[in-house]
């Protein structure tokens, strides 16, 4: 939306939010089960991994 001049209905926003939240939960749950971590730690691992990947792609290392 915003700068892209997209105009979404409330239903579209809620649908996209539900999809995003569901996929995020699945990723955290899968990592938590696979590595025997609590959900909070699994979420941190995913977050730090994403930041590390962005830093690497920008050549800040």
Protein backbone atom coordinates (compact mmCIF):
# COMPACT_ATOMS: atom_id res chain seq x y z
CA UNK A 1 0.00 0.00 0.00
CA UNK A 2 1.37 3.46 0.85
CA UNK A 3 4.13 4.45 -1.58
CA UNK A 4 3.25 1.72 -4.07
CA UNK A 5 -0.25 3.18 -4.57
CA UNK A 6 -1.89 -0.18 -3.83
CA UNK A 7 -5.34 0.02 -2.36
CA UNK A 8 -6.40 -3.10 -0.51
CA UNK A 9 -9.75 -3.80 1.02
CA UNK A 10 -9.98 -4.74 4.68
CA UNK A 11 -10.58 -8.36 3.68
CA UNK A 12 -7.46 -8.41 1.50
CA UNK A 13 -5.37 -6.98 4.33
CA UNK A 14 -6.70 -9.55 6.78
CA UNK A 15 -6.14 -12.37 4.29
CA UNK A 16 -2.53 -11.31 3.66
CA UNK A 17 -1.93 -10.89 7.38
CA UNK A 18 -3.30 -14.34 8.15
CA UNK A 19 -1.09 -15.90 5.47
CA UNK A 20 2.02 -14.08 6.71
CA UNK A 21 1.38 -14.95 10.35
CA UNK A 22 0.62 -18.59 9.53
CA UNK A 23 3.79 -19.01 7.50
CA UNK A 24 5.86 -17.33 10.22
CA UNK A 25 4.37 -19.63 12.85
CA UNK A 26 5.06 -22.69 10.72
CA UNK A 27 8.70 -21.70 10.22
CA UNK A 28 9.22 -21.08 13.94
CA UNK A 29 7.41 -24.27 14.93
CA UNK A 30 9.37 -26.38 12.44
CA UNK A 31 12.70 -25.01 13.68
CA UNK A 32 11.70 -25.37 17.33
CA UNK A 33 10.73 -29.01 16.84
CA UNK A 34 13.73 -29.82 14.66
CA UNK A 35 16.34 -28.26 16.93
CA UNK A 36 14.52 -28.90 20.23
CA UNK A 37 14.28 -25.18 21.03
CA UNK A 38 11.55 -23.23 22.71
CA UNK A 39 9.42 -21.19 20.33
CA UNK A 40 10.95 -17.92 21.52
CA UNK A 41 14.50 -19.08 20.85
CA UNK A 42 13.51 -20.46 17.46
CA UNK A 43 11.99 -17.09 16.55
CA UNK A 44 15.22 -15.35 17.59
CA UNK A 45 17.28 -17.76 15.47
CA UNK A 46 15.14 -17.00 12.43
CA UNK A 47 15.28 -13.24 13.05
CA UNK A 48 19.05 -13.15 13.50
CA UNK A 49 19.52 -15.36 10.45
CA UNK A 50 17.48 -12.94 8.34
CA UNK A 51 19.50 -9.96 9.55
CA UNK A 52 22.78 -11.82 8.96
CA UNK A 53 21.69 -12.69 5.42
CA UNK A 54 20.74 -9.06 4.70
CA UNK A 55 24.11 -7.85 6.02
CA UNK A 56 25.90 -10.41 3.86
CA UNK A 57 23.93 -9.46 0.74
CA UNK A 58 24.71 -5.77 1.27
CA UNK A 59 28.41 -6.53 1.61
CA UNK A 60 28.67 -5.09 5.12
CA UNK A 61 30.78 -7.97 6.38
